[in-house]
N, C-alpha and C. Protein backbone atom coordinates (compact mmCIF):
# COMPACT_ATOMS: atom_id res chain seq x y z
N ASN A 1 304.92 79.71 35.18
CA ASN A 1 305.58 79.04 34.04
C ASN A 1 304.61 78.35 33.10
N PRO A 2 304.45 78.77 31.85
CA PRO A 2 303.51 78.17 30.98
C PRO A 2 303.72 76.69 30.70
N GLY A 3 304.99 76.27 30.70
CA GLY A 3 305.23 74.82 30.50
C GLY A 3 304.73 73.99 31.63
N VAL A 4 304.81 74.44 32.85
CA VAL A 4 304.30 73.69 33.97
C VAL A 4 302.76 73.62 33.84
N THR A 5 302.07 74.74 33.62
CA THR A 5 300.68 74.76 33.47
C THR A 5 300.14 73.83 32.35
N LEU A 6 300.78 73.97 31.24
CA LEU A 6 300.39 73.07 30.09
C LEU A 6 300.63 71.67 30.36
N GLY A 7 301.80 71.41 30.91
CA GLY A 7 302.24 69.98 31.20
C GLY A 7 301.20 69.32 32.14
N LYS A 8 300.84 70.10 33.16
CA LYS A 8 299.85 69.54 34.17
C LYS A 8 298.49 69.21 33.50
N ALA A 9 298.13 70.18 32.66
CA ALA A 9 296.87 70.00 31.87
C ALA A 9 296.80 68.80 31.04
N LEU A 10 297.89 68.60 30.22
CA LEU A 10 298.09 67.45 29.46
C LEU A 10 298.12 66.12 30.23
N ALA A 11 298.67 66.12 31.38
CA ALA A 11 298.75 64.91 32.22
C ALA A 11 297.34 64.56 32.78
N THR A 12 296.49 65.55 32.88
CA THR A 12 295.10 65.32 33.36
C THR A 12 294.20 64.90 32.27
N LYS A 13 294.42 65.48 31.08
CA LYS A 13 293.41 65.29 30.04
C LYS A 13 293.82 64.21 29.01
N THR A 14 294.92 63.72 29.05
CA THR A 14 295.36 62.70 28.08
C THR A 14 295.85 61.39 28.86
N LYS A 15 295.97 60.30 28.08
CA LYS A 15 296.43 59.03 28.63
C LYS A 15 297.96 58.98 28.46
N PHE A 16 298.62 58.10 29.35
CA PHE A 16 300.09 57.98 29.27
C PHE A 16 300.61 57.57 28.04
N THR A 17 299.86 56.80 27.25
CA THR A 17 300.29 56.23 25.89
C THR A 17 300.00 57.16 24.69
N ASP A 18 299.36 58.37 24.94
CA ASP A 18 299.07 59.31 23.99
C ASP A 18 300.33 60.01 23.40
N THR A 19 300.18 60.35 22.11
CA THR A 19 301.17 61.18 21.47
C THR A 19 300.64 62.58 21.16
N ILE A 20 301.35 63.58 21.58
CA ILE A 20 300.92 65.02 21.48
C ILE A 20 301.92 65.90 20.84
N VAL A 21 301.44 66.70 19.98
CA VAL A 21 302.24 67.57 19.29
C VAL A 21 301.93 69.03 19.67
N VAL A 22 302.93 69.89 19.96
CA VAL A 22 302.66 71.26 20.32
C VAL A 22 303.16 72.05 19.07
N LEU A 23 302.16 72.75 18.47
CA LEU A 23 302.44 73.50 17.22
C LEU A 23 302.91 74.83 17.47
N SER A 24 304.11 75.02 17.94
CA SER A 24 304.81 76.37 18.24
C SER A 24 306.15 76.21 18.59
N PRO A 25 307.08 76.42 17.53
CA PRO A 25 308.53 76.29 17.76
C PRO A 25 309.01 77.24 18.86
N ASP A 26 308.43 78.49 18.82
CA ASP A 26 308.88 79.46 19.86
C ASP A 26 308.48 79.01 21.27
N TYR A 27 307.29 78.57 21.49
CA TYR A 27 306.95 78.05 22.71
C TYR A 27 307.85 76.95 23.10
N TRP A 28 308.05 75.99 22.28
CA TRP A 28 308.89 74.74 22.53
C TRP A 28 310.31 75.09 22.92
N GLN A 29 310.88 76.17 22.30
CA GLN A 29 312.20 76.64 22.57
C GLN A 29 312.38 76.89 24.09
N TRP A 30 311.42 77.52 24.69
CA TRP A 30 311.46 78.00 26.01
C TRP A 30 310.88 77.04 27.07
N TYR A 31 309.91 76.35 26.69
CA TYR A 31 309.14 75.55 27.70
C TYR A 31 309.16 74.01 27.48
N GLU A 32 309.95 73.45 26.53
CA GLU A 32 309.96 72.12 26.26
C GLU A 32 310.18 71.24 27.51
N VAL A 33 311.20 71.56 28.31
CA VAL A 33 311.56 70.76 29.49
C VAL A 33 310.48 70.67 30.54
N PHE A 34 309.82 71.87 30.75
CA PHE A 34 308.75 71.78 31.78
C PHE A 34 307.57 71.13 31.21
N THR A 35 307.13 71.25 29.99
CA THR A 35 306.03 70.69 29.48
C THR A 35 306.17 69.20 29.43
N ARG A 36 307.27 68.64 28.93
CA ARG A 36 307.55 67.14 28.94
C ARG A 36 307.55 66.62 30.31
N TYR A 37 308.24 67.37 31.28
CA TYR A 37 308.28 66.74 32.55
C TYR A 37 306.91 66.74 33.23
N TYR A 38 306.16 67.67 33.20
CA TYR A 38 304.86 67.75 33.90
C TYR A 38 303.73 66.93 33.15
N ALA A 39 303.90 66.86 31.90
CA ALA A 39 302.92 66.01 31.11
C ALA A 39 303.18 64.54 31.26
N ASP A 40 304.50 64.24 31.35
CA ASP A 40 304.94 62.66 31.41
C ASP A 40 304.18 61.99 30.28
N ARG A 41 304.26 62.56 29.12
CA ARG A 41 303.66 61.92 27.86
C ARG A 41 304.65 62.05 26.71
N ASN A 42 304.40 61.39 25.65
CA ASN A 42 305.17 61.56 24.42
C ASN A 42 304.77 62.88 23.75
N VAL A 43 305.52 63.90 24.01
CA VAL A 43 305.14 65.26 23.59
C VAL A 43 306.29 65.82 22.72
N TYR A 44 305.94 66.31 21.56
CA TYR A 44 306.98 66.90 20.61
C TYR A 44 306.48 68.13 19.97
N ALA A 45 307.39 68.82 19.32
CA ALA A 45 307.04 70.06 18.67
C ALA A 45 306.86 69.89 17.20
N GLY A 46 305.92 70.71 16.63
CA GLY A 46 305.73 70.79 15.19
C GLY A 46 305.58 72.20 14.73
N ASP A 47 305.53 72.42 13.41
CA ASP A 47 305.41 73.84 12.98
C ASP A 47 304.38 73.98 11.95
N LYS A 48 303.67 72.83 11.54
CA LYS A 48 302.58 73.03 10.59
C LYS A 48 301.70 71.79 10.59
N VAL A 49 300.48 71.96 10.05
CA VAL A 49 299.52 70.89 10.14
C VAL A 49 299.57 70.18 8.81
N THR A 50 299.93 68.85 8.84
CA THR A 50 300.03 68.02 7.70
C THR A 50 299.22 66.76 7.93
N LYS A 51 298.73 66.11 6.87
CA LYS A 51 297.96 64.81 7.08
C LYS A 51 298.89 63.77 7.73
N GLU A 52 300.24 63.76 7.41
CA GLU A 52 301.13 62.78 8.03
C GLU A 52 301.21 63.03 9.45
N MET A 53 301.31 64.29 9.93
CA MET A 53 301.39 64.61 11.35
C MET A 53 300.14 64.18 12.05
N LEU A 54 298.98 64.57 11.43
CA LEU A 54 297.66 64.31 12.09
C LEU A 54 297.47 62.88 12.32
N SER A 55 297.99 62.06 11.31
CA SER A 55 297.73 60.57 11.33
C SER A 55 298.58 59.89 12.47
N GLY A 56 299.52 60.51 13.01
CA GLY A 56 300.45 59.97 14.00
C GLY A 56 300.22 60.50 15.35
N VAL A 57 299.22 61.38 15.57
CA VAL A 57 299.13 61.84 16.98
C VAL A 57 297.68 61.76 17.49
N ASN A 58 297.49 61.85 18.83
CA ASN A 58 296.26 61.79 19.46
C ASN A 58 295.71 63.23 19.75
N TYR A 59 296.65 64.19 20.03
CA TYR A 59 296.20 65.55 20.31
C TYR A 59 297.15 66.48 19.68
N VAL A 60 296.58 67.61 19.29
CA VAL A 60 297.41 68.83 18.77
C VAL A 60 297.14 69.92 19.79
N VAL A 61 298.22 70.72 20.12
CA VAL A 61 298.17 71.80 21.13
C VAL A 61 298.68 73.01 20.44
N ILE A 62 297.84 74.06 20.60
CA ILE A 62 298.30 75.44 20.21
C ILE A 62 298.30 76.33 21.37
N PRO A 63 299.53 76.70 21.91
CA PRO A 63 299.55 77.53 23.05
C PRO A 63 299.04 78.94 22.67
N LYS A 64 298.21 79.52 23.65
CA LYS A 64 297.50 80.73 23.35
C LYS A 64 298.39 81.96 22.93
N ASN A 65 299.39 82.16 23.64
CA ASN A 65 300.27 83.28 23.33
C ASN A 65 301.44 83.01 22.36
N TYR A 66 301.36 81.82 21.77
CA TYR A 66 302.48 81.39 20.83
C TYR A 66 301.89 80.77 19.55
N ASN A 67 300.77 81.20 19.10
CA ASN A 67 300.17 80.68 17.87
C ASN A 67 300.92 81.25 16.68
N GLN A 68 301.75 80.38 16.03
CA GLN A 68 302.50 80.83 14.91
C GLN A 68 301.94 80.18 13.55
N LEU A 69 300.84 79.56 13.65
CA LEU A 69 300.34 78.87 12.44
C LEU A 69 299.62 79.85 11.55
N PRO A 70 299.65 79.57 10.27
CA PRO A 70 298.88 80.40 9.38
C PRO A 70 297.34 80.26 9.69
N LYS A 71 296.53 81.23 9.54
CA LYS A 71 295.18 81.19 9.84
C LYS A 71 294.45 79.98 9.16
N GLU A 72 294.84 79.60 7.99
CA GLU A 72 294.20 78.52 7.18
C GLU A 72 294.37 77.23 7.95
N GLU A 73 295.55 77.07 8.55
CA GLU A 73 295.83 75.74 9.30
C GLU A 73 295.06 75.68 10.56
N THR A 74 295.05 76.81 11.28
CA THR A 74 294.22 76.84 12.47
C THR A 74 292.81 76.69 12.19
N ALA A 75 292.28 77.19 11.09
CA ALA A 75 290.86 77.05 10.78
C ALA A 75 290.53 75.57 10.43
N ILE A 76 291.49 74.86 9.86
CA ILE A 76 291.23 73.47 9.61
C ILE A 76 291.01 72.67 10.92
N LEU A 77 291.86 72.94 11.88
CA LEU A 77 291.73 72.27 13.16
C LEU A 77 290.43 72.66 13.88
N TYR A 78 290.11 73.86 13.91
CA TYR A 78 288.80 74.21 14.48
C TYR A 78 287.61 73.65 13.85
N ALA A 79 287.67 73.62 12.52
CA ALA A 79 286.53 73.10 11.70
C ALA A 79 286.35 71.54 11.85
N HIS A 80 287.41 70.82 12.00
CA HIS A 80 287.25 69.36 11.99
C HIS A 80 287.60 68.55 13.23
N TYR A 81 287.98 69.19 14.31
CA TYR A 81 288.39 68.39 15.47
C TYR A 81 287.74 69.02 16.70
N PRO A 82 287.36 68.25 17.65
CA PRO A 82 286.84 68.85 18.90
C PRO A 82 287.98 69.44 19.69
N HIS A 83 287.73 70.44 20.41
CA HIS A 83 288.82 71.10 21.08
C HIS A 83 288.25 71.66 22.46
N ALA A 84 289.29 71.94 23.34
CA ALA A 84 288.93 72.49 24.60
C ALA A 84 290.10 73.39 25.08
N GLU A 85 289.84 74.29 25.85
CA GLU A 85 290.78 75.27 26.46
C GLU A 85 291.33 74.69 27.76
N ALA A 86 292.64 74.59 27.94
CA ALA A 86 293.20 74.11 29.17
C ALA A 86 294.69 74.52 29.19
N GLY A 87 295.20 74.83 30.33
CA GLY A 87 296.54 75.06 30.49
C GLY A 87 297.17 76.14 29.65
N GLY A 88 296.31 77.14 29.30
CA GLY A 88 296.85 78.23 28.54
C GLY A 88 296.98 77.91 27.04
N ALA A 89 296.16 76.88 26.60
CA ALA A 89 296.30 76.42 25.16
C ALA A 89 294.95 75.84 24.78
N THR A 90 294.87 75.77 23.44
CA THR A 90 293.82 74.99 22.92
C THR A 90 294.28 73.65 22.51
N ILE A 91 293.51 72.65 23.01
CA ILE A 91 293.94 71.25 22.85
C ILE A 91 292.87 70.51 21.91
N PHE A 92 293.35 70.13 20.76
CA PHE A 92 292.49 69.46 19.74
C PHE A 92 292.62 67.95 19.87
N THR A 93 291.48 67.25 19.96
CA THR A 93 291.44 65.81 19.94
C THR A 93 291.43 65.34 18.55
N ILE A 94 292.53 64.69 18.23
CA ILE A 94 292.63 64.11 16.86
C ILE A 94 292.11 62.69 16.78
N LYS A 95 292.55 61.86 17.72
CA LYS A 95 292.04 60.51 17.83
C LYS A 95 292.25 60.14 19.29
N LYS A 96 291.26 59.33 19.81
CA LYS A 96 291.39 58.93 21.24
C LYS A 96 292.01 57.60 21.32
């Protein structure tokens, strides 16, 4: 289950107080419950990269098989934020 895998990765790589956005409505529709449970963090879904969204989160997650973002938005994240692959997703560190 991708939600279990991602949730466990987030629990390991982030702090309990961190806020995390998963940028994939399709992923979220199927795996929200598992991701939230296993991450035990403030995790919510988003559908686009905005300055407002980035200012309010510690991490942005793009699940590998569920990337629905326009290439321009994905390119912004890769160009400006450190990232790592874990739990079947790319996890971008926005602020620690």
